[in-house]
Amino acid sequence: MCGIQGLVDPGPRTYTRDMPYQWIESADPEQAPTWQLSAWPHRSLPPHGFAGFIGITFLMLLIPLFAVLGSPILWGLLPFLMGVLALTWAALKRSYADGDLREDLALCGDTIELVRTNPRGPSQSWHANPYWVRVEMHQTGGPVENYVTLTGAGRSVEIGAFLSPEERVALHHDLAERLGRLDINAR
């Protein structure tokens, strides 16, 4: 059985400077090659950076209050400055929630399946026979530069639109290589 559910969970995301996607290859030499790709948006602000940013912002917002300590103006400024801090925190939390997007691709001998898990809303899925799938990169004319699509089973689906242009080029190369290595006639 090939599919997203039949493959290994890559585990929690790690916040490194590497590519924001990970390939996992099956270790069973008796089966047809099986690969799983997990891709997620890049995080420019890791969790420990979030806490540091909020702390530094708080301290910077306190600086103007030193000039008005002991006066009624302090109580007029304080709610607005704390409101700025609360809105900054809420905006960053919302950004993190939007970054919970994830794309999982399973590539087996007779099936290719792509599942996009959206941060809000239902998941989207697509599957096809890899023999008929084309990996295309649209350098111009797409919604983003170096737009990568998979075409098969009567549909074209995007993959990795949230990646940088350089990462999409690398992803296109990886997908084309793995589709080429998949021995369709070995069954």
C-alpha atoms as a PDB file:
ATOM      1  CA  MET A   1       0.000   0.000   0.000  1.00  0.00           C
ATOM      2  CA  CYS A   2       1.447   3.310  -1.051  1.00  0.00           C
ATOM      3  CA  GLY A   3       0.233   6.612   0.257  1.00  0.00           C
ATOM      4  CA  ILE A   4       0.757   9.246   2.865  1.00  0.00           C
ATOM      5  CA  GLN A   5      -0.685   7.065   5.643  1.00  0.00           C
ATOM      6  CA  GLY A   6       1.594   4.135   4.769  1.00  0.00           C
ATOM      7  CA  LEU A   7       4.857   6.017   5.190  1.00  0.00           C
ATOM      8  CA  VAL A   8       6.982   7.146   8.106  1.00  0.00           C
ATOM      9  CA  ASP A   9       6.064  10.324   9.988  1.00  0.00           C
ATOM     10  CA  PRO A  10       9.027  12.688   9.654  1.00  0.00           C
ATOM     11  CA  GLY A  11       8.418  13.924  13.184  1.00  0.00           C
ATOM     12  CA  PRO A  12       8.499  17.479  14.436  1.00  0.00           C
ATOM     13  CA  ARG A  13       9.960  20.182  12.260  1.00  0.00           C
ATOM     14  CA  THR A  14      13.425  21.333  13.064  1.00  0.00           C
ATOM     15  CA  TYR A  15      14.278  25.005  12.731  1.00  0.00           C
ATOM     16  CA  THR A  16      17.539  24.960  10.819  1.00  0.00           C
ATOM     17  CA  ARG A  17      18.967  26.876   7.899  1.00  0.00           C
ATOM     18  CA  ASP A  18      18.592  23.805   5.658  1.00  0.00           C
ATOM     19  CA  MET A  19      15.888  23.417   3.054  1.00  0.00           C
ATOM     20  CA  PRO A  20      12.369  23.586   4.509  1.00  0.00           C
ATOM     21  CA  TYR A  21      11.586  20.152   3.128  1.00  0.00           C
ATOM     22  CA  GLN A  22      12.719  16.639   3.927  1.00  0.00           C
ATOM     23  CA  TRP A  23      12.881  13.415   1.895  1.00  0.00           C
ATOM     24  CA  ILE A  24      12.478  10.030   3.563  1.00  0.00           C
ATOM     25  CA  GLU A  25      13.337   6.904   1.586  1.00  0.00           C
ATOM     26  CA  SER A  26      12.037   3.429   2.383  1.00  0.00           C
ATOM     27  CA  ALA A  27      14.619   1.098   3.840  1.00  0.00           C
ATOM     28  CA  ASP A  28      13.074  -2.122   2.483  1.00  0.00           C
ATOM     29  CA  PRO A  29      15.168  -3.288  -0.507  1.00  0.00           C
ATOM     30  CA  GLU A  30      12.565  -5.917  -1.488  1.00  0.00           C
ATOM     31  CA  GLN A  31       9.929  -3.277  -2.252  1.00  0.00           C
ATOM     32  CA  ALA A  32       9.857  -0.780  -5.088  1.00  0.00           C
ATOM     33  CA  PRO A  33      11.549   2.495  -4.153  1.00  0.00           C
ATOM     34  CA  THR A  34       9.330   4.595  -1.932  1.00  0.00           C
ATOM     35  CA  TRP A  35       9.905   8.221  -1.063  1.00  0.00           C
ATOM     36  CA  GLN A  36       8.054  10.663   1.112  1.00  0.00           C
ATOM     37  CA  LEU A  37       8.494  14.415   0.884  1.00  0.00           C
ATOM     38  CA  SER A  38       7.387  16.735   3.670  1.00  0.00           C
ATOM     39  CA  ALA A  39       7.548  20.459   2.910  1.00  0.00           C
ATOM     40  CA  TRP A  40       6.676  23.434   5.107  1.00  0.00           C
ATOM     41  CA  PRO A  41       7.135  27.207   4.955  1.00  0.00           C
ATOM     42  CA  HIS A  42      10.446  28.632   6.116  1.00  0.00           C
ATOM     43  CA  ARG A  43      10.437  30.148   9.601  1.00  0.00           C
ATOM     44  CA  SER A  44      12.596  33.263   9.759  1.00  0.00           C
ATOM     45  CA  LEU A  45      11.804  33.703  13.464  1.00  0.00           C
ATOM     46  CA  PRO A  46      12.205  30.490  15.496  1.00  0.00           C
ATOM     47  CA  PRO A  47      10.246  30.037  18.762  1.00  0.00           C
ATOM     48  CA  HIS A  48      13.090  31.190  21.026  1.00  0.00           C
ATOM     49  CA  GLY A  49      13.502  34.256  18.788  1.00  0.00           C
ATOM     50  CA  PHE A  50       9.799  35.027  19.209  1.00  0.00           C
ATOM     51  CA  ALA A  51      10.171  35.191  23.000  1.00  0.00           C
ATOM     52  CA  GLY A  52      13.288  37.338  22.704  1.00  0.00           C
ATOM     53  CA  PHE A  53      11.616  39.727  20.254  1.00  0.00           C
ATOM     54  CA  ILE A  54       8.588  40.216  22.502  1.00  0.00           C
ATOM     55  CA  GLY A  55      10.885  40.789  25.523  1.00  0.00           C
ATOM     56  CA  ILE A  56      13.049  43.349  23.698  1.00  0.00           C
ATOM     57  CA  THR A  57       9.950  45.094  22.314  1.00  0.00           C
ATOM     58  CA  PHE A  58       8.552  45.337  25.849  1.00  0.00           C
ATOM     59  CA  LEU A  59      11.773  46.867  27.144  1.00  0.00           C
ATOM     60  CA  MET A  60      11.926  49.347  24.247  1.00  0.00           C
ATOM     61  CA  LEU A  61       8.338  50.400  24.869  1.00  0.00           C
ATOM     62  CA  LEU A  62       9.200  51.101  28.529  1.00  0.00           C
ATOM     63  CA  ILE A  63      11.938  53.630  27.638  1.00  0.00           C
ATOM     64  CA  PRO A  64       9.552  56.552  26.884  1.00  0.00           C
ATOM     65  CA  LEU A  65       7.758  55.895  30.180  1.00  0.00           C
ATOM     66  CA  PHE A  66      10.850  56.773  32.257  1.00  0.00           C
ATOM     67  CA  ALA A  67      10.424  60.436  31.306  1.00  0.00           C
ATOM     68  CA  VAL A  68       6.864  60.536  32.671  1.00  0.00           C
ATOM     69  CA  LEU A  69       7.274  58.460  35.832  1.00  0.00           C
ATOM     70  CA  GLY A  70       5.216  59.945  38.637  1.00  0.00           C
ATOM     71  CA  SER A  71       2.952  62.001  36.384  1.00  0.00           C
ATOM     72  CA  PRO A  72      -0.592  61.293  35.186  1.00  0.00           C
ATOM     73  CA  ILE A  73       0.696  61.134  31.591  1.00  0.00           C
ATOM     74  CA  LEU A  74       2.159  57.700  32.428  1.00  0.00           C
ATOM     75  CA  TRP A  75      -1.346  56.297  32.862  1.00  0.00           C
ATOM     76  CA  GLY A  76      -2.415  57.837  29.539  1.00  0.00           C
ATOM     77  CA  LEU A  77       0.508  56.307  27.597  1.00  0.00           C
ATOM     78  CA  LEU A  78       0.653  52.917  29.319  1.00  0.00           C
ATOM     79  CA  PRO A  79      -2.530  51.413  27.792  1.00  0.00           C
ATOM     80  CA  PHE A  80      -1.472  52.408  24.272  1.00  0.00           C
ATOM     81  CA  LEU A  81       2.043  51.011  24.639  1.00  0.00           C
ATOM     82  CA  MET A  82       0.769  47.757  26.108  1.00  0.00           C
ATOM     83  CA  GLY A  83      -1.822  47.627  23.301  1.00  0.00           C
ATOM     84  CA  VAL A  84       1.028  47.874  20.778  1.00  0.00           C
ATOM     85  CA  LEU A  85       2.779  44.988  22.523  1.00  0.00           C
ATOM     86  CA  ALA A  86      -0.412  42.890  22.570  1.00  0.00           C
ATOM     87  CA  LEU A  87      -1.065  43.542  18.861  1.00  0.00           C
ATOM     88  CA  THR A  88       2.543  42.650  17.993  1.00  0.00           C
ATOM     89  CA  TRP A  89       2.216  39.395  19.938  1.00  0.00           C
ATOM     90  CA  ALA A  90      -1.133  38.594  18.246  1.00  0.00           C
ATOM     91  CA  ALA A  91       0.246  39.356  14.770  1.00  0.00           C
ATOM     92  CA  LEU A  92       3.257  37.096  15.306  1.00  0.00           C
ATOM     93  CA  LYS A  93       1.052  34.292  16.677  1.00  0.00           C
ATOM     94  CA  ARG A  94      -1.189  34.624  13.599  1.00  0.00           C
ATOM     95  CA  SER A  95       1.875  34.425  11.380  1.00  0.00           C
ATOM     96  CA  TYR A  96       2.924  31.211  13.151  1.00  0.00           C
ATOM     97  CA  ALA A  97      -0.570  29.753  12.694  1.00  0.00           C
ATOM     98  CA  ASP A  98      -0.444  30.564   8.962  1.00  0.00           C
ATOM     99  CA  GLY A  99       2.904  28.768   8.817  1.00  0.00           C
ATOM    100  CA  ASP A 100       1.304  25.481   9.900  1.00  0.00           C
ATOM    101  CA  LEU A 101       0.827  24.736   6.216  1.00  0.00           C
ATOM    102  CA  ARG A 102       2.351  21.417   5.187  1.00  0.00           C
ATOM    103  CA  GLU A 103       2.617  19.450   1.963  1.00  0.00           C
ATOM    104  CA  ASP A 104       3.260  15.708   1.987  1.00  0.00           C
ATOM    105  CA  LEU A 105       4.060  13.789  -1.166  1.00  0.00           C
ATOM    106  CA  ALA A 106       4.304   9.990  -1.319  1.00  0.00           C
ATOM    107  CA  LEU A 107       5.957   8.464  -4.371  1.00  0.00           C
ATOM    108  CA  CYS A 108       5.721   4.690  -4.804  1.00  0.00           C
ATOM    109  CA  GLY A 109       5.919   2.288  -7.709  1.00  0.00           C
ATOM    110  CA  ASP A 110       2.317   2.701  -8.855  1.00  0.00           C
ATOM    111  CA  THR A 111       1.044   5.801  -7.045  1.00  0.00           C
ATOM    112  CA  ILE A 112       2.009   9.376  -6.406  1.00  0.00           C
ATOM    113  CA  GLU A 113      -0.069  11.190  -3.800  1.00  0.00           C
ATOM    114  CA  LEU A 114       0.096  14.814  -2.677  1.00  0.00           C
ATOM    115  CA  VAL A 115      -1.723  16.024   0.446  1.00  0.00           C
ATOM    116  CA  ARG A 116      -1.748  19.703   1.370  1.00  0.00           C
ATOM    117  CA  THR A 117      -2.686  20.356   5.004  1.00  0.00           C
ATOM    118  CA  ASN A 118      -3.935  23.923   5.233  1.00  0.00           C
ATOM    119  CA  PRO A 119      -3.665  25.897   8.483  1.00  0.00           C
ATOM    120  CA  ARG A 120      -7.366  26.759   8.349  1.00  0.00           C
ATOM    121  CA  GLY A 121      -9.755  24.830   6.197  1.00  0.00           C
ATOM    122  CA  PRO A 122      -9.861  21.330   4.786  1.00  0.00           C
ATOM    123  CA  SER A 123      -6.911  19.348   3.499  1.00  0.00           C
ATOM    124  CA  GLN A 124      -6.534  18.945  -0.245  1.00  0.00           C
ATOM    125  CA  SER A 125      -5.300  15.768  -1.927  1.00  0.00           C
ATOM    126  CA  TRP A 126      -4.326  14.581  -5.388  1.00  0.00           C
ATOM    127  CA  HIS A 127      -3.105  11.216  -6.636  1.00  0.00           C
ATOM    128  CA  ALA A 128      -2.069   9.771  -9.979  1.00  0.00           C
ATOM    129  CA  ASN A 129      -0.030   7.070 -11.665  1.00  0.00           C
ATOM    130  CA  PRO A 130       3.602   8.324 -11.652  1.00  0.00           C
ATOM    131  CA  TYR A 131       4.141   7.000 -15.174  1.00  0.00           C
ATOM    132  CA  TRP A 132       1.827   9.733 -16.466  1.00  0.00           C
ATOM    133  CA  VAL A 133       2.966  12.521 -14.140  1.00  0.00           C
ATOM    134  CA  ARG A 134       5.039  15.431 -15.429  1.00  0.00           C
ATOM    135  CA  VAL A 135       7.000  17.761 -13.169  1.00  0.00           C
ATOM    136  CA  GLU A 136       7.028  21.226 -14.671  1.00  0.00           C
ATOM    137  CA  MET A 137       8.730  24.426 -13.603  1.00  0.00           C
ATOM    138  CA  HIS A 138       7.268  27.656 -14.941  1.00  0.00           C
ATOM    139  CA  GLN A 139      10.052  30.226 -14.643  1.00  0.00           C
ATOM    140  CA  THR A 140       7.658  33.028 -15.566  1.00  0.00           C
ATOM    141  CA  GLY A 141       3.909  33.273 -15.915  1.00  0.00           C
ATOM    142  CA  GLY A 142       3.013  31.553 -12.649  1.00  0.00           C
ATOM    143  CA  PRO A 143       1.857  33.174  -9.421  1.00  0.00           C
ATOM    144  CA  VAL A 144       5.469  33.005  -8.161  1.00  0.00           C
ATOM    145  CA  GLU A 145       8.891  32.782  -9.794  1.00  0.00           C
ATOM    146  CA  ASN A 146       9.983  29.205 -10.662  1.00  0.00           C
ATOM    147  CA  TYR A 147       6.474  27.857 -10.050  1.00  0.00           C
ATOM    148  CA  VAL A 148       6.520  24.031  -9.760  1.00  0.00           C
ATOM    149  CA  THR A 149       3.531  21.918 -10.772  1.00  0.00           C
ATOM    150  CA  LEU A 150       2.741  18.233 -11.038  1.00  0.00           C
ATOM    151  CA  THR A 151       0.504  17.334 -13.965  1.00  0.00           C
ATOM    152  CA  GLY A 152      -1.330  14.023 -14.160  1.00  0.00           C
ATOM    153  CA  ALA A 153      -4.731  12.368 -13.835  1.00  0.00           C
ATOM    154  CA  GLY A 154      -6.293  15.287 -15.696  1.00  0.00           C
ATOM    155  CA  ARG A 155      -5.132  17.951 -13.216  1.00  0.00           C
ATOM    156  CA  SER A 156      -2.226  20.250 -12.565  1.00  0.00           C
ATOM    157  CA  VAL A 157      -1.393  20.875  -8.914  1.00  0.00           C
ATOM    158  CA  GLU A 158       1.136  23.242  -7.391  1.00  0.00           C
ATOM    159  CA  ILE A 159       3.772  22.080  -4.990  1.00  0.00           C
ATOM    160  CA  GLY A 160       6.036  24.194  -2.819  1.00  0.00           C
ATOM    161  CA  ALA A 161       4.643  27.610  -3.793  1.00  0.00           C
ATOM    162  CA  PHE A 162       5.632  28.862  -0.318  1.00  0.00           C
ATOM    163  CA  LEU A 163       9.311  28.018  -0.915  1.00  0.00           C
ATOM    164  CA  SER A 164      11.854  30.552  -2.180  1.00  0.00           C
ATOM    165  CA  PRO A 165      12.648  30.546  -5.939  1.00  0.00           C
ATOM    166  CA  GLU A 166      15.979  28.770  -5.327  1.00  0.00           C
ATOM    167  CA  GLU A 167      14.303  26.146  -3.148  1.00  0.00           C
ATOM    168  CA  ARG A 168      11.670  25.530  -5.846  1.00  0.00           C
ATOM    169  CA  VAL A 169      14.447  24.936  -8.402  1.00  0.00           C
ATOM    170  CA  ALA A 170      16.030  22.368  -6.041  1.00  0.00           C
ATOM    171  CA  LEU A 171      12.619  20.783  -5.382  1.00  0.00           C
ATOM    172  CA  HIS A 172      11.940  20.530  -9.132  1.00  0.00           C
ATOM    173  CA  HIS A 173      15.301  18.826  -9.628  1.00  0.00           C
ATOM    174  CA  ASP A 174      14.669  16.404  -6.735  1.00  0.00           C
ATOM    175  CA  LEU A 175      11.177  15.500  -7.982  1.00  0.00           C
ATOM    176  CA  ALA A 176      12.353  14.973 -11.572  1.00  0.00           C
ATOM    177  CA  GLU A 177      15.257  12.818 -10.388  1.00  0.00           C
ATOM    178  CA  ARG A 178      13.074  10.620  -8.174  1.00  0.00           C
ATOM    179  CA  LEU A 179      10.418  10.184 -10.844  1.00  0.00           C
ATOM    180  CA  GLY A 180      13.208   9.203 -13.244  1.00  0.00           C
ATOM    181  CA  ARG A 181      14.670   6.708 -10.755  1.00  0.00           C
ATOM    182  CA  LEU A 182      11.318   5.074 -10.148  1.00  0.00           C
ATOM    183  CA  ASP A 183      11.413   1.918 -12.250  1.00  0.00           C
ATOM    184  CA  ILE A 184       7.869   1.751 -13.537  1.00  0.00           C
ATOM    185  CA  ASN A 185       8.450  -1.506 -15.479  1.00  0.00           C
ATOM    186  CA  ALA A 186       9.990  -3.457 -12.580  1.00  0.00           C
ATOM    187  CA  ARG A 187       6.643  -4.841 -11.431  1.00  0.00           C
END
